Amino acid sequence: MTESKLRSIPHFASLDELVEFFETHDLGEYWEQMPEAHFEVDIKRRTHLFALDEEIADKLTEIALSKQVPSAVLINSWLREKLLAQA
């Protein structure tokens, strides 16, 4: 009797352990054991691009890094505040 090449996915105590495992193992070896995923994607959000002066972009990036938030989050927050003040 030949040994099966199908490997069983180990059980993990945390998501970090799972991620670490698949950073060093080929997901393809476990593909058949993966549960089928069903989900709907409802994309209604649009992205708008605006040109910024390089000096402003650099300062925004610096502030965002110091606050540990993405630049887009900081920009949207500041613009929202400014728009609400205009109302």
N, C-alpha and C. Protein backbone atom coordinates (compact mmCIF):
# COMPACT_ATOMS: atom_id res chain seq x y z
N MET A 1 0.84 -1.17 0.00
CA MET A 1 0.00 0.00 0.00
C MET A 1 0.89 1.24 0.00
N THR A 2 0.64 2.19 -0.92
CA THR A 2 1.47 3.39 -1.01
C THR A 2 0.97 4.48 -0.08
N GLU A 3 1.92 5.25 0.42
CA GLU A 3 1.56 6.34 1.33
C GLU A 3 0.96 7.48 0.53
N SER A 4 -0.11 8.04 1.02
CA SER A 4 -0.79 9.14 0.34
C SER A 4 0.09 10.39 0.36
N LYS A 5 0.12 11.12 -0.74
CA LYS A 5 0.88 12.35 -0.81
C LYS A 5 0.08 13.52 -0.23
N LEU A 6 -1.19 13.28 0.05
CA LEU A 6 -2.04 14.31 0.61
C LEU A 6 -1.67 14.55 2.07
N ARG A 7 -1.28 15.77 2.38
CA ARG A 7 -0.91 16.12 3.75
C ARG A 7 -2.09 16.76 4.44
N SER A 8 -2.25 16.49 5.70
CA SER A 8 -3.33 17.09 6.48
C SER A 8 -2.90 18.45 6.99
N ILE A 9 -3.82 19.38 6.94
CA ILE A 9 -3.54 20.71 7.50
C ILE A 9 -3.51 20.59 9.01
N PRO A 10 -2.44 21.06 9.63
CA PRO A 10 -2.39 21.00 11.10
C PRO A 10 -3.42 21.97 11.71
N HIS A 11 -3.72 21.78 12.97
CA HIS A 11 -4.59 22.71 13.69
C HIS A 11 -3.72 23.80 14.29
N PHE A 12 -4.21 25.02 14.27
CA PHE A 12 -3.44 26.16 14.75
C PHE A 12 -4.15 26.82 15.91
N ALA A 13 -3.37 27.26 16.89
CA ALA A 13 -3.94 27.92 18.07
C ALA A 13 -4.25 29.39 17.79
N SER A 14 -3.64 29.93 16.74
CA SER A 14 -3.88 31.36 16.44
C SER A 14 -3.74 31.58 14.94
N LEU A 15 -4.25 32.72 14.52
CA LEU A 15 -4.11 33.12 13.12
C LEU A 15 -2.64 33.34 12.78
N ASP A 16 -1.88 33.87 13.73
CA ASP A 16 -0.45 34.08 13.50
C ASP A 16 0.27 32.78 13.20
N GLU A 17 -0.09 31.71 13.90
CA GLU A 17 0.53 30.40 13.64
C GLU A 17 0.18 29.91 12.23
N LEU A 18 -1.06 30.12 11.82
CA LEU A 18 -1.48 29.71 10.47
C LEU A 18 -0.68 30.47 9.42
N VAL A 19 -0.58 31.78 9.60
CA VAL A 19 0.17 32.61 8.64
C VAL A 19 1.62 32.17 8.58
N GLU A 20 2.22 31.97 9.73
CA GLU A 20 3.62 31.53 9.79
C GLU A 20 3.82 30.20 9.08
N PHE A 21 2.86 29.28 9.27
CA PHE A 21 2.94 27.97 8.62
C PHE A 21 2.96 28.11 7.10
N PHE A 22 2.02 28.91 6.57
CA PHE A 22 1.92 29.01 5.12
C PHE A 22 2.96 29.94 4.50
N GLU A 23 3.72 30.64 5.33
CA GLU A 23 4.86 31.39 4.81
C GLU A 23 5.99 30.44 4.44
N THR A 24 5.97 29.24 5.02
CA THR A 24 7.05 28.27 4.76
C THR A 24 6.56 26.99 4.10
N HIS A 25 5.27 26.91 3.79
CA HIS A 25 4.70 25.71 3.17
C HIS A 25 3.90 26.11 1.93
N ASP A 26 3.84 25.22 0.98
CA ASP A 26 3.12 25.45 -0.27
C ASP A 26 1.63 25.20 -0.07
N LEU A 27 0.82 26.24 -0.25
CA LEU A 27 -0.63 26.12 -0.11
C LEU A 27 -1.19 25.08 -1.08
N GLY A 28 -0.54 24.92 -2.23
CA GLY A 28 -0.99 23.96 -3.22
C GLY A 28 -1.04 22.53 -2.72
N GLU A 29 -0.18 22.22 -1.76
CA GLU A 29 -0.16 20.86 -1.19
C GLU A 29 -1.40 20.59 -0.33
N TYR A 30 -2.11 21.64 0.05
CA TYR A 30 -3.26 21.51 0.94
C TYR A 30 -4.55 22.00 0.28
N TRP A 31 -4.47 22.34 -0.99
CA TRP A 31 -5.58 22.98 -1.70
C TRP A 31 -6.89 22.19 -1.62
N GLU A 32 -6.81 20.88 -1.78
CA GLU A 32 -8.02 20.06 -1.78
C GLU A 32 -8.73 20.05 -0.43
N GLN A 33 -8.01 20.38 0.63
CA GLN A 33 -8.60 20.37 1.97
C GLN A 33 -9.18 21.74 2.36
N MET A 34 -8.93 22.73 1.55
CA MET A 34 -9.41 24.08 1.86
C MET A 34 -10.92 24.14 1.69
N PRO A 35 -11.60 24.78 2.64
CA PRO A 35 -13.05 24.91 2.51
C PRO A 35 -13.39 25.87 1.37
N GLU A 36 -14.50 25.61 0.73
CA GLU A 36 -14.94 26.48 -0.34
C GLU A 36 -15.47 27.77 0.27
N ALA A 37 -15.09 28.89 -0.30
CA ALA A 37 -15.51 30.19 0.24
C ALA A 37 -16.58 30.79 -0.67
N HIS A 38 -17.64 31.27 -0.06
CA HIS A 38 -18.71 31.95 -0.79
C HIS A 38 -18.87 33.34 -0.19
N PHE A 39 -18.83 34.33 -1.04
CA PHE A 39 -19.03 35.70 -0.56
C PHE A 39 -19.45 36.57 -1.73
N GLU A 40 -20.09 37.67 -1.39
CA GLU A 40 -20.51 38.63 -2.39
C GLU A 40 -19.66 39.88 -2.25
N VAL A 41 -19.38 40.49 -3.36
CA VAL A 41 -18.63 41.73 -3.34
C VAL A 41 -19.54 42.82 -3.90
N ASP A 42 -19.76 43.83 -3.10
CA ASP A 42 -20.61 44.93 -3.51
C ASP A 42 -19.77 46.20 -3.46
N ILE A 43 -19.13 46.50 -4.56
CA ILE A 43 -18.22 47.64 -4.60
C ILE A 43 -19.00 48.88 -5.04
N LYS A 44 -19.19 49.76 -4.08
CA LYS A 44 -19.87 51.02 -4.39
C LYS A 44 -18.95 52.20 -4.13
N ARG A 45 -17.88 51.97 -3.42
CA ARG A 45 -16.97 53.05 -3.10
C ARG A 45 -16.08 53.34 -4.30
N ARG A 46 -15.92 54.60 -4.57
CA ARG A 46 -15.05 55.00 -5.67
C ARG A 46 -13.84 55.73 -5.11
N THR A 47 -12.76 55.64 -5.82
CA THR A 47 -11.54 56.34 -5.43
C THR A 47 -11.33 57.50 -6.37
N HIS A 48 -11.04 58.64 -5.80
CA HIS A 48 -10.78 59.84 -6.60
C HIS A 48 -9.33 60.26 -6.36
N LEU A 49 -8.64 60.53 -7.41
CA LEU A 49 -7.24 60.93 -7.31
C LEU A 49 -7.11 62.43 -7.53
N PHE A 50 -6.34 63.08 -6.67
CA PHE A 50 -6.09 64.50 -6.78
C PHE A 50 -4.60 64.74 -6.74
N ALA A 51 -4.16 65.69 -7.53
CA ALA A 51 -2.74 66.04 -7.53
C ALA A 51 -2.45 66.93 -6.34
N LEU A 52 -1.35 66.63 -5.63
CA LEU A 52 -0.93 67.44 -4.50
C LEU A 52 0.45 68.01 -4.79
N ASP A 53 0.68 69.19 -4.27
CA ASP A 53 2.01 69.77 -4.32
C ASP A 53 2.95 68.82 -3.57
N GLU A 54 4.13 68.62 -4.10
CA GLU A 54 5.06 67.65 -3.51
C GLU A 54 5.38 67.97 -2.05
N GLU A 55 5.55 69.24 -1.74
CA GLU A 55 5.86 69.64 -0.37
C GLU A 55 4.71 69.28 0.58
N ILE A 56 3.48 69.51 0.13
CA ILE A 56 2.30 69.16 0.94
C ILE A 56 2.21 67.65 1.11
N ALA A 57 2.41 66.91 0.03
CA ALA A 57 2.35 65.45 0.10
C ALA A 57 3.40 64.90 1.06
N ASP A 58 4.60 65.45 1.02
CA ASP A 58 5.67 65.01 1.93
C ASP A 58 5.30 65.28 3.38
N LYS A 59 4.77 66.46 3.66
CA LYS A 59 4.40 66.81 5.03
C LYS A 59 3.24 65.94 5.51
N LEU A 60 2.24 65.70 4.65
CA LEU A 60 1.13 64.83 5.00
C LEU A 60 1.63 63.42 5.34
N THR A 61 2.52 62.92 4.53
CA THR A 61 3.08 61.58 4.76
C THR A 61 3.82 61.54 6.09
N GLU A 62 4.58 62.56 6.38
CA GLU A 62 5.33 62.63 7.64
C GLU A 62 4.37 62.63 8.85
N ILE A 63 3.32 63.44 8.76
CA ILE A 63 2.35 63.52 9.87
C ILE A 63 1.61 62.20 10.01
N ALA A 64 1.19 61.61 8.89
CA ALA A 64 0.48 60.33 8.93
C ALA A 64 1.35 59.24 9.57
N LEU A 65 2.61 59.21 9.21
CA LEU A 65 3.53 58.22 9.82
C LEU A 65 3.65 58.44 11.32
N SER A 66 3.73 59.70 11.74
CA SER A 66 3.86 59.97 13.17
C SER A 66 2.60 59.58 13.93
N LYS A 67 1.44 59.66 13.26
CA LYS A 67 0.18 59.27 13.89
C LYS A 67 -0.15 57.79 13.66
N GLN A 68 0.71 57.13 12.88
CA GLN A 68 0.55 55.71 12.55
C GLN A 68 -0.80 55.42 11.89
N VAL A 69 -1.16 56.27 10.92
CA VAL A 69 -2.36 56.07 10.11
C VAL A 69 -1.97 56.23 8.65
N PRO A 70 -2.70 55.59 7.73
CA PRO A 70 -2.41 55.79 6.31
C PRO A 70 -2.67 57.25 5.91
N SER A 71 -1.91 57.74 4.97
CA SER A 71 -2.06 59.12 4.51
C SER A 71 -3.49 59.40 4.06
N ALA A 72 -4.10 58.46 3.36
CA ALA A 72 -5.47 58.67 2.86
C ALA A 72 -6.45 58.86 4.01
N VAL A 73 -6.26 58.15 5.11
CA VAL A 73 -7.14 58.29 6.27
C VAL A 73 -6.99 59.69 6.87
N LEU A 74 -5.76 60.15 7.00
CA LEU A 74 -5.50 61.48 7.55
C LEU A 74 -6.11 62.56 6.65
N ILE A 75 -5.89 62.45 5.36
CA ILE A 75 -6.40 63.44 4.41
C ILE A 75 -7.92 63.47 4.46
N ASN A 76 -8.56 62.31 4.43
CA ASN A 76 -10.02 62.27 4.47
C ASN A 76 -10.56 62.86 5.77
N SER A 77 -9.90 62.58 6.87
CA SER A 77 -10.32 63.11 8.16
C SER A 77 -10.24 64.63 8.17
N TRP A 78 -9.13 65.16 7.71
CA TRP A 78 -8.96 66.62 7.69
C TRP A 78 -9.94 67.28 6.73
N LEU A 79 -10.14 66.69 5.57
CA LEU A 79 -11.09 67.28 4.60
C LEU A 79 -12.51 67.22 5.14
N ARG A 80 -12.87 66.12 5.81
CA ARG A 80 -14.21 66.01 6.40
C ARG A 80 -14.43 67.10 7.44
N GLU A 81 -13.42 67.32 8.31
CA GLU A 81 -13.50 68.38 9.32
C GLU A 81 -13.70 69.74 8.66
N LYS A 82 -12.94 70.01 7.62
CA LYS A 82 -13.02 71.29 6.93
C LYS A 82 -14.39 71.48 6.27
N LEU A 83 -14.89 70.42 5.65
CA LEU A 83 -16.21 70.50 5.00
C LEU A 83 -17.32 70.72 6.01
N LEU A 84 -17.26 70.03 7.15
CA LEU A 84 -18.27 70.21 8.19
C LEU A 84 -18.23 71.63 8.77
N ALA A 85 -17.06 72.22 8.84
CA ALA A 85 -16.93 73.59 9.34
C ALA A 85 -17.55 74.60 8.37
N GLN A 86 -17.62 74.23 7.10
CA GLN A 86 -18.19 75.13 6.09
C GLN A 86 -19.71 75.09 6.06
N ALA A 87 -20.30 74.08 6.67
CA ALA A 87 -21.77 73.91 6.62
C ALA A 87 -22.50 74.90 7.48
